[in-house]
Each structure stands twice: as C-alpha cells, then as structure tokens.
Amino acid sequence: MSKKYVKIWQDYHGKKLPANMEIHHIDGNHQNNQPENLLAVTINEHLIIHNNQNDYGAVQAILMRLQRTDEQNQLIRECASKHQKLLIQKGEHNFQKLSKQERSLISKEAALKTVELKIGIHAINANPELAKQNGKNARQKLSRDKELKMMKVWHEKVKGSKWWVNPSGERKRSKNKPGEDWKEGMYYES
C-alpha cells in the first residue's frame, strides 16, 4: 500500500508522523490526499471512527493490524460478515461476477494459500503459545499433505449443503431444511 499521504501530511505539518499515529482520510476517499483531508489519529481512534461510520471493511482492516482481544476478534468476524453482505446486496461482490467453476477454483486456491501462509487458524497453529492461549491444539505438527487431505474431507462433507437459520439466530449446515421455521441463509430476515 502506498503511504504517499503520510509524506503529504508530514510535509504540510512540518513534522514526522508519530510512531503511534496513522492517517485517516476524512472524506473516506483514499485518492483525495489534500492535506485538509488527512487527519492523524491513533489506531484505536481510527477504529472508533470507522466503526461509528459502519465502514465494516475498514474496521476489519484496522483490526487485522491490532493485537486483538476476544471481543475484537468477535467484532472482526461480524464486520467481515456485514461487509460481504453489503457487497452482495449492491451486486459488487467479486464472486457474483464469476462462473461457478471460477468461484470453486478461487476458493480452493485461497484455502491452500491460508495453509501456506499460516493465516487464520493456521497462524494460531503455527505459534504454540497462541495455540495454548486459544485452547487449540492445532494441527501444527501435521504435514501439509495431511492438512490438504483434511481440507478435502471437509469439502466433501459440506458439498451440496446449505446454511440454515431459525428466528433465534441459531445456524446449521445441512442438505435438508432442519425444521419448519428455518430459512436458508446466514441471517434470519422476516
């Protein structure tokens, strides 16, 4: 990511941006690097600003840079879900523009990349202290081949299934509707 706006802020204010600060674009347009549009804030202030604006993508990105609490981990999951839902509602989600075969290929490549880069659950598993803290004995000792085999088994297990949700928000994944009051999807909308 280009940090050209940091240099613009520093030149305008005649000082170096403090190490604990980052730049917020006031109007939300990252192409607008006018000095009046650049605000120096702490990462926590930045998080609060975007959370108050319901800018779920930005909240998610900021949280990824933090040492997160359990509460913040829950927030990142919620924001990611809301952000994806908004993109789908607007017809702007990348997957809406691709064929089923292209989506399947991308999903498989992304899953392999998470294993390779040890991100998500793989990041926790790669660090024994994190695994211990999170109560996960993860699959850190498994070879890549075993990991891929486990992923293939999981993929086969969920193949053809759907997410179902009931009015109380409980979710299940199955091929058949679990009950009369259940609706297909991740969120229950009346």
N, C-alpha and C. Protein backbone atom coordinates (compact mmCIF):
# COMPACT_ATOMS: atom_id res chain seq x y z
N MET A 1 0.85 -1.18 0.00
CA MET A 1 0.00 0.00 0.00
C MET A 1 0.89 1.24 0.00
N SER A 2 0.53 2.17 -0.83
CA SER A 2 1.29 3.41 -0.91
C SER A 2 1.00 4.28 0.31
N LYS A 3 2.03 4.83 0.88
CA LYS A 3 1.88 5.72 2.04
C LYS A 3 2.21 7.15 1.64
N LYS A 4 1.92 7.49 0.38
CA LYS A 4 2.19 8.82 -0.13
C LYS A 4 1.49 9.87 0.73
N TYR A 5 0.31 9.55 1.23
CA TYR A 5 -0.44 10.50 2.03
C TYR A 5 0.26 10.82 3.35
N VAL A 6 1.06 9.89 3.87
CA VAL A 6 1.82 10.16 5.10
C VAL A 6 2.83 11.26 4.83
N LYS A 7 3.54 11.15 3.71
CA LYS A 7 4.52 12.17 3.35
C LYS A 7 3.84 13.53 3.14
N ILE A 8 2.67 13.51 2.51
CA ILE A 8 1.93 14.76 2.29
C ILE A 8 1.57 15.39 3.64
N TRP A 9 1.07 14.59 4.58
CA TRP A 9 0.72 15.09 5.91
C TRP A 9 1.96 15.66 6.61
N GLN A 10 3.08 14.94 6.54
CA GLN A 10 4.32 15.36 7.20
C GLN A 10 4.84 16.66 6.59
N ASP A 11 4.84 16.77 5.26
CA ASP A 11 5.29 18.00 4.60
C ASP A 11 4.41 19.18 4.99
N TYR A 12 3.10 18.96 5.03
CA TYR A 12 2.15 20.02 5.34
C TYR A 12 2.33 20.51 6.78
N HIS A 13 2.51 19.58 7.72
CA HIS A 13 2.61 19.92 9.13
C HIS A 13 4.05 20.20 9.57
N GLY A 14 5.01 19.93 8.70
CA GLY A 14 6.41 20.20 9.02
C GLY A 14 6.96 19.35 10.15
N LYS A 15 6.43 18.16 10.31
CA LYS A 15 6.93 17.25 11.34
C LYS A 15 6.66 15.81 10.92
N LYS A 16 7.39 14.92 11.57
CA LYS A 16 7.24 13.49 11.30
C LYS A 16 5.98 12.98 11.99
N LEU A 17 5.29 12.07 11.33
CA LEU A 17 4.11 11.45 11.93
C LEU A 17 4.57 10.59 13.10
N PRO A 18 4.03 10.81 14.32
CA PRO A 18 4.45 10.00 15.47
C PRO A 18 4.23 8.50 15.21
N ALA A 19 5.08 7.69 15.80
CA ALA A 19 5.06 6.25 15.55
C ALA A 19 3.73 5.60 15.93
N ASN A 20 3.03 6.16 16.91
CA ASN A 20 1.77 5.56 17.35
C ASN A 20 0.55 6.12 16.60
N MET A 21 0.78 6.86 15.53
CA MET A 21 -0.32 7.50 14.80
C MET A 21 -0.39 6.96 13.38
N GLU A 22 -1.55 7.10 12.78
CA GLU A 22 -1.73 6.78 11.37
C GLU A 22 -2.67 7.82 10.77
N ILE A 23 -2.84 7.77 9.47
CA ILE A 23 -3.61 8.79 8.77
C ILE A 23 -5.01 8.28 8.42
N HIS A 24 -6.00 9.12 8.73
CA HIS A 24 -7.40 8.86 8.36
C HIS A 24 -7.79 9.85 7.27
N HIS A 25 -8.41 9.34 6.20
CA HIS A 25 -8.95 10.21 5.15
C HIS A 25 -10.35 10.64 5.59
N ILE A 26 -10.52 11.90 5.90
CA ILE A 26 -11.75 12.42 6.48
C ILE A 26 -12.96 12.13 5.60
N ASP A 27 -12.84 12.35 4.29
CA ASP A 27 -14.00 12.14 3.40
C ASP A 27 -14.13 10.69 2.94
N GLY A 28 -13.25 9.81 3.39
CA GLY A 28 -13.33 8.40 3.03
C GLY A 28 -12.75 8.07 1.66
N ASN A 29 -12.30 9.08 0.93
CA ASN A 29 -11.74 8.88 -0.41
C ASN A 29 -10.22 8.81 -0.30
N HIS A 30 -9.67 7.63 -0.50
CA HIS A 30 -8.22 7.45 -0.37
C HIS A 30 -7.44 8.06 -1.54
N GLN A 31 -8.15 8.53 -2.54
CA GLN A 31 -7.48 9.23 -3.65
C GLN A 31 -7.35 10.73 -3.34
N ASN A 32 -8.12 11.21 -2.37
CA ASN A 32 -8.09 12.62 -2.00
C ASN A 32 -7.03 12.82 -0.92
N ASN A 33 -5.82 13.12 -1.33
CA ASN A 33 -4.71 13.31 -0.41
C ASN A 33 -4.40 14.78 -0.14
N GLN A 34 -5.43 15.61 -0.23
CA GLN A 34 -5.26 17.01 0.13
C GLN A 34 -4.97 17.08 1.63
N PRO A 35 -4.03 17.91 2.05
CA PRO A 35 -3.67 17.96 3.48
C PRO A 35 -4.85 18.17 4.41
N GLU A 36 -5.87 18.95 3.98
CA GLU A 36 -7.04 19.21 4.82
C GLU A 36 -7.89 17.95 5.01
N ASN A 37 -7.70 16.94 4.15
CA ASN A 37 -8.47 15.70 4.22
C ASN A 37 -7.75 14.62 5.04
N LEU A 38 -6.54 14.93 5.50
CA LEU A 38 -5.73 13.93 6.21
C LEU A 38 -5.68 14.27 7.69
N LEU A 39 -6.08 13.30 8.52
CA LEU A 39 -6.14 13.50 9.97
C LEU A 39 -5.27 12.45 10.64
N ALA A 40 -4.35 12.89 11.49
CA ALA A 40 -3.51 11.96 12.25
C ALA A 40 -4.30 11.48 13.47
N VAL A 41 -4.41 10.15 13.60
CA VAL A 41 -5.15 9.55 14.71
C VAL A 41 -4.40 8.31 15.19
N THR A 42 -4.70 7.88 16.42
CA THR A 42 -4.15 6.60 16.88
C THR A 42 -4.94 5.50 16.20
N ILE A 43 -4.42 4.29 16.24
CA ILE A 43 -5.12 3.17 15.61
C ILE A 43 -6.46 2.92 16.28
N ASN A 44 -6.53 3.11 17.61
CA ASN A 44 -7.81 2.93 18.31
C ASN A 44 -8.82 4.01 17.93
N GLU A 45 -8.35 5.25 17.78
CA GLU A 45 -9.25 6.32 17.32
C GLU A 45 -9.74 6.02 15.90
N HIS A 46 -8.83 5.51 15.07
CA HIS A 46 -9.18 5.17 13.69
C HIS A 46 -10.26 4.08 13.68
N LEU A 47 -10.10 3.10 14.54
CA LEU A 47 -11.08 2.02 14.66
C LEU A 47 -12.44 2.56 15.06
N ILE A 48 -12.47 3.45 16.05
CA ILE A 48 -13.73 4.04 16.53
C ILE A 48 -14.41 4.84 15.42
N ILE A 49 -13.63 5.63 14.69
CA ILE A 49 -14.20 6.45 13.60
C ILE A 49 -14.90 5.56 12.58
N HIS A 50 -14.19 4.52 12.10
CA HIS A 50 -14.78 3.67 11.06
C HIS A 50 -15.91 2.80 11.60
N ASN A 51 -15.83 2.39 12.85
CA ASN A 51 -16.91 1.62 13.45
C ASN A 51 -18.17 2.47 13.55
N ASN A 52 -18.02 3.75 13.95
CA ASN A 52 -19.17 4.66 14.03
C ASN A 52 -19.77 4.95 12.67
N GLN A 53 -18.96 4.84 11.61
CA GLN A 53 -19.44 5.08 10.25
C GLN A 53 -20.00 3.80 9.61
N ASN A 54 -19.98 2.69 10.37
CA ASN A 54 -20.39 1.39 9.83
C ASN A 54 -19.61 1.02 8.58
N ASP A 55 -18.35 1.42 8.55
CA ASP A 55 -17.44 1.10 7.44
C ASP A 55 -16.77 -0.24 7.79
N TYR A 56 -17.50 -1.32 7.55
CA TYR A 56 -17.08 -2.64 8.01
C TYR A 56 -15.76 -3.11 7.41
N GLY A 57 -15.54 -2.79 6.15
CA GLY A 57 -14.28 -3.19 5.52
C GLY A 57 -13.09 -2.53 6.18
N ALA A 58 -13.22 -1.24 6.50
CA ALA A 58 -12.12 -0.52 7.16
C ALA A 58 -11.91 -1.03 8.58
N VAL A 59 -13.00 -1.29 9.31
CA VAL A 59 -12.89 -1.82 10.67
C VAL A 59 -12.13 -3.15 10.63
N GLN A 60 -12.51 -3.99 9.69
CA GLN A 60 -11.85 -5.28 9.54
C GLN A 60 -10.35 -5.09 9.28
N ALA A 61 -10.00 -4.20 8.37
CA ALA A 61 -8.59 -3.96 8.03
C ALA A 61 -7.80 -3.42 9.23
N ILE A 62 -8.41 -2.52 9.98
CA ILE A 62 -7.73 -1.95 11.16
C ILE A 62 -7.53 -3.03 12.22
N LEU A 63 -8.57 -3.81 12.47
CA LEU A 63 -8.46 -4.87 13.48
C LEU A 63 -7.38 -5.89 13.13
N MET A 64 -7.17 -6.12 11.85
CA MET A 64 -6.14 -7.08 11.43
C MET A 64 -4.75 -6.60 11.83
N ARG A 65 -4.59 -5.30 12.04
CA ARG A 65 -3.28 -4.75 12.42
C ARG A 65 -3.08 -4.71 13.93
N LEU A 66 -4.10 -5.04 14.70
CA LEU A 66 -4.03 -4.94 16.16
C LEU A 66 -3.77 -6.30 16.82
N GLN A 67 -3.21 -6.25 18.02
CA GLN A 67 -3.23 -7.41 18.91
C GLN A 67 -4.65 -7.39 19.47
N ARG A 68 -5.47 -8.36 19.09
CA ARG A 68 -6.89 -8.28 19.38
C ARG A 68 -7.31 -9.02 20.65
N THR A 69 -8.32 -8.45 21.30
CA THR A 69 -8.96 -9.12 22.43
C THR A 69 -10.00 -10.08 21.85
N ASP A 70 -10.57 -10.93 22.68
CA ASP A 70 -11.64 -11.82 22.23
C ASP A 70 -12.82 -11.02 21.69
N GLU A 71 -13.11 -9.90 22.35
CA GLU A 71 -14.20 -9.03 21.90
C GLU A 71 -13.91 -8.46 20.50
N GLN A 72 -12.67 -8.06 20.27
CA GLN A 72 -12.31 -7.52 18.96
C GLN A 72 -12.30 -8.61 17.90
N ASN A 73 -11.92 -9.84 18.27
CA ASN A 73 -11.99 -10.95 17.32
C ASN A 73 -13.44 -11.19 16.90
N GLN A 74 -14.37 -11.07 17.85
CA GLN A 74 -15.79 -11.22 17.52
C GLN A 74 -16.21 -10.08 16.59
N LEU A 75 -15.75 -8.86 16.88
CA LEU A 75 -16.10 -7.71 16.04
C LEU A 75 -15.57 -7.88 14.62
N ILE A 76 -14.37 -8.41 14.47
CA ILE A 76 -13.81 -8.58 13.13
C ILE A 76 -14.64 -9.59 12.34
N ARG A 77 -15.12 -10.64 13.01
CA ARG A 77 -15.96 -11.61 12.31
C ARG A 77 -17.28 -10.97 11.89
N GLU A 78 -17.87 -10.20 12.79
CA GLU A 78 -19.14 -9.53 12.48
C GLU A 78 -18.97 -8.53 11.34
N CYS A 79 -17.89 -7.76 11.38
CA CYS A 79 -17.65 -6.75 10.33
C CYS A 79 -17.39 -7.42 8.98
N ALA A 80 -16.63 -8.49 8.99
CA ALA A 80 -16.36 -9.20 7.74
C ALA A 80 -17.66 -9.70 7.14
N SER A 81 -18.51 -10.25 7.97
CA SER A 81 -19.80 -10.77 7.51
C SER A 81 -20.68 -9.65 6.97
N LYS A 82 -20.77 -8.54 7.71
CA LYS A 82 -21.58 -7.41 7.27
C LYS A 82 -21.05 -6.80 5.98
N HIS A 83 -19.72 -6.70 5.88
CA HIS A 83 -19.11 -6.13 4.67
C HIS A 83 -19.44 -6.99 3.45
N GLN A 84 -19.30 -8.31 3.59
CA GLN A 84 -19.60 -9.21 2.48
C GLN A 84 -21.08 -9.12 2.11
N LYS A 85 -21.94 -9.04 3.11
CA LYS A 85 -23.38 -8.95 2.86
C LYS A 85 -23.73 -7.68 2.09
N LEU A 86 -23.11 -6.55 2.48
CA LEU A 86 -23.35 -5.29 1.77
C LEU A 86 -22.89 -5.36 0.32
N LEU A 87 -21.72 -5.97 0.09
CA LEU A 87 -21.24 -6.11 -1.27
C LEU A 87 -22.20 -6.95 -2.10
N ILE A 88 -22.72 -8.02 -1.51
CA ILE A 88 -23.66 -8.88 -2.23
C ILE A 88 -24.94 -8.12 -2.54
N GLN A 89 -25.47 -7.36 -1.56
CA GLN A 89 -26.69 -6.59 -1.77
C GLN A 89 -26.53 -5.57 -2.89
N LYS A 90 -25.34 -4.98 -2.99
CA LYS A 90 -25.07 -3.98 -4.04
C LYS A 90 -24.73 -4.63 -5.37
N GLY A 91 -24.55 -5.95 -5.38
CA GLY A 91 -24.13 -6.64 -6.61
C GLY A 91 -22.68 -6.40 -6.94
N GLU A 92 -21.87 -6.06 -5.93
CA GLU A 92 -20.47 -5.71 -6.15
C GLU A 92 -19.51 -6.77 -5.66
N HIS A 93 -20.03 -7.87 -5.10
CA HIS A 93 -19.14 -8.92 -4.60
C HIS A 93 -18.47 -9.59 -5.79
N ASN A 94 -17.16 -9.79 -5.69
CA ASN A 94 -16.39 -10.37 -6.80
C ASN A 94 -16.97 -11.70 -7.25
N PHE A 95 -17.45 -12.50 -6.32
CA PHE A 95 -17.96 -13.82 -6.68
C PHE A 95 -19.23 -13.73 -7.53
N GLN A 96 -19.95 -12.64 -7.46
CA GLN A 96 -21.17 -12.50 -8.25
C GLN A 96 -20.87 -12.33 -9.73
N LYS A 97 -19.64 -12.00 -10.04
CA LYS A 97 -19.26 -11.75 -11.43
C LYS A 97 -18.57 -12.95 -12.07
N LEU A 98 -18.43 -14.04 -11.32
CA LEU A 98 -17.69 -15.21 -11.79
C LEU A 98 -18.60 -16.41 -11.99
N SER A 99 -18.15 -17.32 -12.84
CA SER A 99 -18.88 -18.57 -13.03
C SER A 99 -18.66 -19.47 -11.81
N LYS A 100 -19.50 -20.49 -11.68
CA LYS A 100 -19.38 -21.41 -10.54
C LYS A 100 -18.01 -22.09 -10.57
N GLN A 101 -17.52 -22.44 -11.74
CA GLN A 101 -16.21 -23.10 -11.86
C GLN A 101 -15.09 -22.16 -11.43
N GLU A 102 -15.17 -20.88 -11.82
CA GLU A 102 -14.16 -19.90 -11.42
C GLU A 102 -14.18 -19.69 -9.90
N ARG A 103 -15.40 -19.61 -9.32
CA ARG A 103 -15.52 -19.44 -7.86
C ARG A 103 -14.91 -20.62 -7.12
N SER A 104 -15.17 -21.81 -7.61
CA SER A 104 -14.64 -23.02 -6.97
C SER A 104 -13.12 -23.02 -7.00
N LEU A 105 -12.54 -22.67 -8.13
CA LEU A 105 -11.09 -22.63 -8.27
C LEU A 105 -10.47 -21.60 -7.32
N ILE A 106 -11.06 -20.43 -7.25
CA ILE A 106 -10.55 -19.37 -6.37
C ILE A 106 -10.64 -19.81 -4.92
N SER A 107 -11.76 -20.43 -4.52
CA SER A 107 -11.92 -20.90 -3.14
C SER A 107 -10.85 -21.91 -2.78
N LYS A 108 -10.58 -22.84 -3.68
CA LYS A 108 -9.56 -23.85 -3.41
C LYS A 108 -8.18 -23.21 -3.30
N GLU A 109 -7.88 -22.26 -4.19
CA GLU A 109 -6.58 -21.58 -4.14
C GLU A 109 -6.44 -20.78 -2.84
N ALA A 110 -7.52 -20.12 -2.42
CA ALA A 110 -7.47 -19.35 -1.18
C ALA A 110 -7.24 -20.26 0.02
N ALA A 111 -7.90 -21.40 0.04
CA ALA A 111 -7.72 -22.35 1.14
C ALA A 111 -6.28 -22.83 1.20
N LEU A 112 -5.71 -23.14 0.06
CA LEU A 112 -4.31 -23.58 0.03
C LEU A 112 -3.38 -22.48 0.48
N LYS A 113 -3.69 -21.24 0.12
CA LYS A 113 -2.85 -20.10 0.50
C LYS A 113 -2.87 -19.89 2.01
N THR A 114 -4.03 -20.08 2.65
CA THR A 114 -4.09 -19.91 4.10
C THR A 114 -3.21 -20.92 4.80
N VAL A 115 -3.13 -22.12 4.23
CA VAL A 115 -2.26 -23.15 4.80
C VAL A 115 -0.80 -22.74 4.61
N GLU A 116 -0.48 -22.32 3.39
CA GLU A 116 0.90 -21.95 3.06
C GLU A 116 1.39 -20.77 3.88
N LEU A 117 0.55 -19.75 4.03
CA LEU A 117 0.95 -18.54 4.74
C LEU A 117 0.69 -18.61 6.23
N LYS A 118 0.05 -19.67 6.66
CA LYS A 118 -0.29 -19.84 8.07
C LYS A 118 -1.07 -18.62 8.58
N ILE A 119 -2.15 -18.31 7.86
CA ILE A 119 -3.02 -17.21 8.31
C ILE A 119 -4.33 -17.81 8.81
N GLY A 120 -5.10 -17.01 9.51
CA GLY A 120 -6.34 -17.51 10.09
C GLY A 120 -6.00 -18.54 11.14
N ILE A 121 -6.69 -19.66 11.14
CA ILE A 121 -6.44 -20.72 12.11
C ILE A 121 -5.00 -21.21 12.00
N HIS A 122 -4.44 -21.14 10.79
CA HIS A 122 -3.08 -21.61 10.59
C HIS A 122 -2.05 -20.72 11.28
N ALA A 123 -2.36 -19.44 11.45
CA ALA A 123 -1.46 -18.55 12.19
C ALA A 123 -1.44 -18.94 13.66
N ILE A 124 -2.59 -19.26 14.19
CA ILE A 124 -2.67 -19.69 15.58
C ILE A 124 -1.91 -21.00 15.76
N ASN A 125 -2.11 -21.90 14.82
CA ASN A 125 -1.48 -23.21 14.93
C ASN A 125 0.02 -23.16 14.77
N ALA A 126 0.52 -22.18 14.06
CA ALA A 126 1.96 -22.06 13.83
C ALA A 126 2.69 -21.55 15.06
N ASN A 127 1.95 -20.96 15.98
CA ASN A 127 2.55 -20.38 17.18
C ASN A 127 2.06 -21.17 18.40
N PRO A 128 2.91 -22.00 19.00
CA PRO A 128 2.47 -22.83 20.13
C PRO A 128 1.88 -22.03 21.28
N GLU A 129 2.41 -20.82 21.55
CA GLU A 129 1.87 -20.02 22.64
C GLU A 129 0.44 -19.56 22.32
N LEU A 130 0.23 -19.13 21.07
CA LEU A 130 -1.12 -18.72 20.68
C LEU A 130 -2.07 -19.92 20.73
N ALA A 131 -1.58 -21.06 20.27
CA ALA A 131 -2.42 -22.26 20.29
C ALA A 131 -2.82 -22.59 21.71
N LYS A 132 -1.87 -22.47 22.64
CA LYS A 132 -2.15 -22.77 24.04
C LYS A 132 -3.15 -21.75 24.60
N GLN A 133 -2.92 -20.46 24.32
CA GLN A 133 -3.81 -19.41 24.81
C GLN A 133 -5.23 -19.58 24.28
N ASN A 134 -5.35 -20.01 23.04
CA ASN A 134 -6.66 -20.11 22.42
C ASN A 134 -7.28 -21.50 22.61
N GLY A 135 -6.64 -22.33 23.41
CA GLY A 135 -7.20 -23.64 23.68
C GLY A 135 -7.21 -24.53 22.46
N LYS A 136 -6.36 -24.24 21.51
CA LYS A 136 -6.34 -25.02 20.28
C LYS A 136 -5.07 -25.85 20.25
N ASN A 137 -5.24 -27.12 20.05
CA ASN A 137 -4.04 -27.92 19.87
C ASN A 137 -3.94 -28.12 18.42
N ALA A 138 -3.60 -27.26 17.81
CA ALA A 138 -3.91 -27.39 16.48
C ALA A 138 -3.07 -28.32 15.74
N ARG A 139 -3.28 -28.19 14.50
CA ARG A 139 -2.69 -29.17 13.62
C ARG A 139 -1.28 -28.76 13.25
N GLN A 140 -0.57 -28.08 14.18
CA GLN A 140 0.73 -27.53 13.84
C GLN A 140 1.74 -28.61 13.48
N LYS A 141 1.57 -29.83 13.99
CA LYS A 141 2.54 -30.87 13.73
C LYS A 141 2.20 -31.68 12.49
N LEU A 142 1.05 -31.41 11.93
CA LEU A 142 0.66 -32.16 10.74
C LEU A 142 1.42 -31.65 9.53
N SER A 143 1.67 -32.55 8.63
CA SER A 143 2.34 -32.15 7.40
C SER A 143 1.34 -31.45 6.49
N ARG A 144 1.85 -30.78 5.52
CA ARG A 144 1.00 -30.10 4.54
C ARG A 144 0.08 -31.09 3.84
N ASP A 145 0.59 -32.28 3.53
CA ASP A 145 -0.23 -33.29 2.86
C ASP A 145 -1.43 -33.69 3.72
N LYS A 146 -1.20 -33.87 5.00
CA LYS A 146 -2.30 -34.23 5.90
C LYS A 146 -3.29 -33.09 6.00
N GLU A 147 -2.79 -31.85 6.04
CA GLU A 147 -3.66 -30.68 6.10
C GLU A 147 -4.56 -30.63 4.87
N LEU A 148 -3.96 -30.84 3.70
CA LEU A 148 -4.74 -30.80 2.46
C LEU A 148 -5.76 -31.94 2.42
N LYS A 149 -5.39 -33.09 2.94
CA LYS A 149 -6.31 -34.22 2.98
C LYS A 149 -7.50 -33.90 3.88
N MET A 150 -7.22 -33.29 5.04
CA MET A 150 -8.29 -32.90 5.95
C MET A 150 -9.23 -31.88 5.29
N MET A 151 -8.65 -30.93 4.55
CA MET A 151 -9.46 -29.93 3.87
C MET A 151 -10.34 -30.59 2.81
N LYS A 152 -9.81 -31.57 2.10
CA LYS A 152 -10.57 -32.27 1.06
C LYS A 152 -11.75 -33.03 1.69
N VAL A 153 -11.49 -33.69 2.82
CA VAL A 153 -12.56 -34.42 3.52
C VAL A 153 -13.64 -33.44 3.96
N TRP A 154 -13.26 -32.29 4.52
CA TRP A 154 -14.23 -31.29 4.94
C TRP A 154 -15.03 -30.79 3.75
N HIS A 155 -14.35 -30.54 2.63
CA HIS A 155 -15.04 -30.05 1.43
C HIS A 155 -16.08 -31.06 0.97
N GLU A 156 -15.75 -32.33 0.99
CA GLU A 156 -16.69 -33.37 0.59
C GLU A 156 -17.86 -33.44 1.56
N LYS A 157 -17.57 -33.24 2.84
CA LYS A 157 -18.60 -33.32 3.87
C LYS A 157 -19.67 -32.24 3.69
N VAL A 158 -19.25 -31.03 3.32
CA VAL A 158 -20.21 -29.93 3.20
C VAL A 158 -20.75 -29.75 1.78
N LYS A 159 -20.21 -30.49 0.84
CA LYS A 159 -20.63 -30.37 -0.55
C LYS A 159 -22.14 -30.59 -0.68
N GLY A 160 -22.81 -29.67 -1.31
CA GLY A 160 -24.25 -29.77 -1.52
C GLY A 160 -25.09 -29.31 -0.34
N SER A 161 -24.45 -28.93 0.76
CA SER A 161 -25.21 -28.48 1.92
C SER A 161 -25.40 -26.97 1.86
N LYS A 162 -26.29 -26.48 2.70
CA LYS A 162 -26.59 -25.05 2.77
C LYS A 162 -26.60 -24.63 4.24
N TRP A 163 -26.47 -23.32 4.44
CA TRP A 163 -26.64 -22.78 5.80
C TRP A 163 -28.12 -22.51 6.00
N TRP A 164 -28.61 -22.84 7.20
CA TRP A 164 -29.99 -22.60 7.60
C TRP A 164 -29.98 -21.83 8.91
N VAL A 165 -30.96 -20.95 9.09
CA VAL A 165 -31.03 -20.15 10.32
C VAL A 165 -32.48 -20.12 10.81
N ASN A 166 -32.66 -20.11 12.13
CA ASN A 166 -34.01 -20.03 12.69
C ASN A 166 -34.22 -18.64 13.29
N PRO A 167 -35.44 -18.34 13.74
CA PRO A 167 -35.72 -16.99 14.26
C PRO A 167 -34.85 -16.58 15.45
N SER A 168 -34.33 -17.54 16.22
CA SER A 168 -33.48 -17.17 17.36
C SER A 168 -32.02 -16.96 16.94
N GLY A 169 -31.72 -17.13 15.66
CA GLY A 169 -30.36 -16.89 15.16
C GLY A 169 -29.47 -18.11 15.15
N GLU A 170 -29.99 -19.25 15.58
CA GLU A 170 -29.20 -20.49 15.56
C GLU A 170 -28.97 -20.90 14.11
N ARG A 171 -27.75 -21.33 13.80
CA ARG A 171 -27.41 -21.71 12.43
C ARG A 171 -27.02 -23.18 12.36
N LYS A 172 -27.39 -23.82 11.25
CA LYS A 172 -27.00 -25.20 10.98
C LYS A 172 -26.65 -25.32 9.51
N ARG A 173 -25.75 -26.22 9.25
CA ARG A 173 -25.40 -26.51 7.86
C ARG A 173 -25.89 -27.91 7.55
N SER A 174 -26.77 -28.04 6.55
CA SER A 174 -27.26 -29.36 6.17
C SER A 174 -27.81 -29.30 4.75
N LYS A 175 -28.05 -30.48 4.21
CA LYS A 175 -28.59 -30.56 2.85
C LYS A 175 -30.11 -30.35 2.86
N ASN A 176 -30.74 -30.65 4.00
CA ASN A 176 -32.19 -30.53 4.11
C ASN A 176 -32.56 -29.48 5.16
N LYS A 177 -33.73 -28.88 4.96
CA LYS A 177 -34.24 -27.88 5.90
C LYS A 177 -34.45 -28.53 7.27
N PRO A 178 -33.79 -28.01 8.34
CA PRO A 178 -33.87 -28.64 9.66
C PRO A 178 -35.25 -28.61 10.31
N GLY A 179 -36.09 -27.67 9.95
CA GLY A 179 -37.41 -27.56 10.57
C GLY A 179 -38.26 -26.53 9.84
N GLU A 180 -39.52 -26.45 10.23
CA GLU A 180 -40.48 -25.58 9.55
C GLU A 180 -40.11 -24.10 9.61
N ASP A 181 -39.61 -23.65 10.78
CA ASP A 181 -39.32 -22.22 10.96
C ASP A 181 -37.92 -21.83 10.52
N TRP A 182 -37.19 -22.72 9.88
CA TRP A 182 -35.83 -22.44 9.42
C TRP A 182 -35.88 -21.86 8.02
N LYS A 183 -34.95 -20.90 7.76
CA LYS A 183 -34.82 -20.29 6.43
C LYS A 183 -33.40 -20.48 5.94
N GLU A 184 -33.24 -20.56 4.63
CA GLU A 184 -31.91 -20.70 4.05
C GLU A 184 -31.15 -19.39 4.22
N GLY A 185 -29.87 -19.48 4.59
CA GLY A 185 -29.02 -18.30 4.71
C GLY A 185 -28.32 -18.23 6.05
N MET A 186 -27.52 -17.18 6.22
CA MET A 186 -26.77 -16.97 7.46
C MET A 186 -27.51 -16.06 8.42
N TYR A 187 -28.49 -15.31 7.92
CA TYR A 187 -29.22 -14.36 8.76
C TYR A 187 -30.70 -14.58 8.59
N TYR A 188 -31.45 -14.48 9.65
CA TYR A 188 -32.89 -14.65 9.61
C TYR A 188 -33.52 -13.30 9.34
N GLU A 189 -34.13 -13.19 8.20
CA GLU A 189 -34.80 -11.94 7.85
C GLU A 189 -36.27 -12.25 7.63
N SER A 190 -37.10 -11.56 8.34
CA SER A 190 -38.55 -11.83 8.23
C SER A 190 -39.16 -11.10 7.06
